[in-house]
Amino acid sequence: MREIMKNVLKEDLLLELSQIKNKTIIFWGEKDKILPLTQAYLFYRSILNSQLFILPEIGHSPNLQNPKLFAEVLISALKKELS
């Protein structure tokens, strides 16, 4: 499964990500075992106008595993963007 995901990310998805023109916030769990942290940096580099937030001690579902931290980071990023 992990190999399949790596291949998908390297080929089709990364090309599609590079087409995103909107401002994008990327949240990534530091301990994600499905998509490792190295993939977060690929996403970040592929999406031109993006911000990357690595959430410590969290796995693949940051919004479910630590909703409070997720919300705090999201609100902070949005406030910064709107100011």
C-alpha atoms as a PDB file:
ATOM      1  CA  MET A   1       0.000   0.000   0.000  1.00  0.00           C
ATOM      2  CA  ARG A   2       2.762   2.424   0.926  1.00  0.00           C
ATOM      3  CA  GLU A   3       4.550   1.771  -2.386  1.00  0.00           C
ATOM      4  CA  ILE A   4       1.341   2.394  -4.316  1.00  0.00           C
ATOM      5  CA  MET A   5       0.857   5.712  -2.527  1.00  0.00           C
ATOM      6  CA  LYS A   6       4.455   6.746  -3.253  1.00  0.00           C
ATOM      7  CA  ASN A   7       4.012   6.046  -6.952  1.00  0.00           C
ATOM      8  CA  VAL A   8       0.701   7.887  -7.120  1.00  0.00           C
ATOM      9  CA  LEU A   9       2.168  10.892  -5.353  1.00  0.00           C
ATOM     10  CA  LYS A  10       5.250  11.007  -7.526  1.00  0.00           C
ATOM     11  CA  GLU A  11       3.391  10.901 -10.797  1.00  0.00           C
ATOM     12  CA  ASP A  12      -0.224  11.955 -11.105  1.00  0.00           C
ATOM     13  CA  LEU A  13      -0.891  13.777  -7.870  1.00  0.00           C
ATOM     14  CA  LEU A  14       2.224  15.931  -7.838  1.00  0.00           C
ATOM     15  CA  LEU A  15       1.440  17.114 -11.344  1.00  0.00           C
ATOM     16  CA  GLU A  16      -2.098  17.967 -10.281  1.00  0.00           C
ATOM     17  CA  LEU A  17      -0.889  19.691  -7.124  1.00  0.00           C
ATOM     18  CA  SER A  18       1.309  21.977  -9.189  1.00  0.00           C
ATOM     19  CA  GLN A  19      -1.832  23.204 -10.962  1.00  0.00           C
ATOM     20  CA  ILE A  20      -3.354  24.579  -7.736  1.00  0.00           C
ATOM     21  CA  LYS A  21      -3.244  28.369  -7.868  1.00  0.00           C
ATOM     22  CA  ASN A  22      -5.288  29.221  -4.761  1.00  0.00           C
ATOM     23  CA  LYS A  23      -3.725  29.890  -1.402  1.00  0.00           C
ATOM     24  CA  THR A  24      -3.517  26.539   0.357  1.00  0.00           C
ATOM     25  CA  ILE A  25      -2.955  25.502   3.961  1.00  0.00           C
ATOM     26  CA  ILE A  26      -1.436  22.044   4.382  1.00  0.00           C
ATOM     27  CA  PHE A  27      -1.685  20.276   7.731  1.00  0.00           C
ATOM     28  CA  TRP A  28       0.466  17.209   8.292  1.00  0.00           C
ATOM     29  CA  GLY A  29       0.868  14.939  11.267  1.00  0.00           C
ATOM     30  CA  GLU A  30       4.491  14.481  12.263  1.00  0.00           C
ATOM     31  CA  LYS A  31       3.874  10.796  13.018  1.00  0.00           C
ATOM     32  CA  ASP A  32       1.805  10.019   9.890  1.00  0.00           C
ATOM     33  CA  LYS A  33       2.482   6.373   8.993  1.00  0.00           C
ATOM     34  CA  ILE A  34       0.342   6.413   5.845  1.00  0.00           C
ATOM     35  CA  LEU A  35       1.991   9.410   4.184  1.00  0.00           C
ATOM     36  CA  PRO A  36       5.390  10.130   5.727  1.00  0.00           C
ATOM     37  CA  LEU A  37       6.602  13.614   6.487  1.00  0.00           C
ATOM     38  CA  THR A  38       8.754  13.665   3.354  1.00  0.00           C
ATOM     39  CA  GLN A  39       5.516  13.705   1.346  1.00  0.00           C
ATOM     40  CA  ALA A  40       4.407  16.844   3.182  1.00  0.00           C
ATOM     41  CA  TYR A  41       7.394  18.696   1.806  1.00  0.00           C
ATOM     42  CA  LEU A  42       6.623  17.427  -1.705  1.00  0.00           C
ATOM     43  CA  PHE A  43       3.081  18.764  -1.370  1.00  0.00           C
ATOM     44  CA  TYR A  44       4.388  22.070  -0.055  1.00  0.00           C
ATOM     45  CA  ARG A  45       6.911  22.478  -2.870  1.00  0.00           C
ATOM     46  CA  SER A  46       4.351  21.440  -5.492  1.00  0.00           C
ATOM     47  CA  ILE A  47       1.668  23.942  -4.471  1.00  0.00           C
ATOM     48  CA  LEU A  48       3.089  27.357  -5.250  1.00  0.00           C
ATOM     49  CA  ASN A  49       1.097  29.484  -2.814  1.00  0.00           C
ATOM     50  CA  SER A  50       0.952  27.128   0.161  1.00  0.00           C
ATOM     51  CA  GLN A  51       1.732  27.092   3.863  1.00  0.00           C
ATOM     52  CA  LEU A  52       2.768  23.899   5.619  1.00  0.00           C
ATOM     53  CA  PHE A  53       2.031  23.176   9.267  1.00  0.00           C
ATOM     54  CA  ILE A  54       3.565  20.074  10.823  1.00  0.00           C
ATOM     55  CA  LEU A  55       1.578  19.051  13.895  1.00  0.00           C
ATOM     56  CA  PRO A  56       3.786  17.299  16.470  1.00  0.00           C
ATOM     57  CA  GLU A  57       3.024  13.848  17.856  1.00  0.00           C
ATOM     58  CA  ILE A  58       0.036  13.428  15.508  1.00  0.00           C
ATOM     59  CA  GLY A  59      -0.611  10.809  12.833  1.00  0.00           C
ATOM     60  CA  HIS A  60      -2.616  10.803   9.617  1.00  0.00           C
ATOM     61  CA  SER A  61      -5.740  12.603  10.890  1.00  0.00           C
ATOM     62  CA  PRO A  62      -4.675  15.757  12.735  1.00  0.00           C
ATOM     63  CA  ASN A  63      -8.188  17.213  12.807  1.00  0.00           C
ATOM     64  CA  LEU A  64      -9.481  14.073  14.528  1.00  0.00           C
ATOM     65  CA  GLN A  65      -6.508  13.217  16.722  1.00  0.00           C
ATOM     66  CA  ASN A  66      -6.057  16.675  18.191  1.00  0.00           C
ATOM     67  CA  PRO A  67      -8.955  18.882  17.098  1.00  0.00           C
ATOM     68  CA  LYS A  68      -8.050  21.646  19.539  1.00  0.00           C
ATOM     69  CA  LEU A  69      -4.511  22.034  18.207  1.00  0.00           C
ATOM     70  CA  PHE A  70      -5.753  21.718  14.630  1.00  0.00           C
ATOM     71  CA  ALA A  71      -8.324  24.486  15.196  1.00  0.00           C
ATOM     72  CA  GLU A  72      -5.801  26.746  16.933  1.00  0.00           C
ATOM     73  CA  VAL A  73      -3.304  26.452  14.090  1.00  0.00           C
ATOM     74  CA  LEU A  74      -6.012  26.899  11.452  1.00  0.00           C
ATOM     75  CA  ILE A  75      -7.473  29.991  13.135  1.00  0.00           C
ATOM     76  CA  SER A  76      -4.006  31.479  13.588  1.00  0.00           C
ATOM     77  CA  ALA A  77      -3.146  30.890   9.916  1.00  0.00           C
ATOM     78  CA  LEU A  78      -6.431  32.387   8.749  1.00  0.00           C
ATOM     79  CA  LYS A  79      -6.071  35.442  10.990  1.00  0.00           C
ATOM     80  CA  LYS A  80      -2.558  36.003   9.669  1.00  0.00           C
ATOM     81  CA  GLU A  81      -3.812  35.688   6.101  1.00  0.00           C
ATOM     82  CA  LEU A  82      -6.653  38.141   6.670  1.00  0.00           C
ATOM     83  CA  SER A  83      -4.565  40.788   8.431  1.00  0.00           C
END
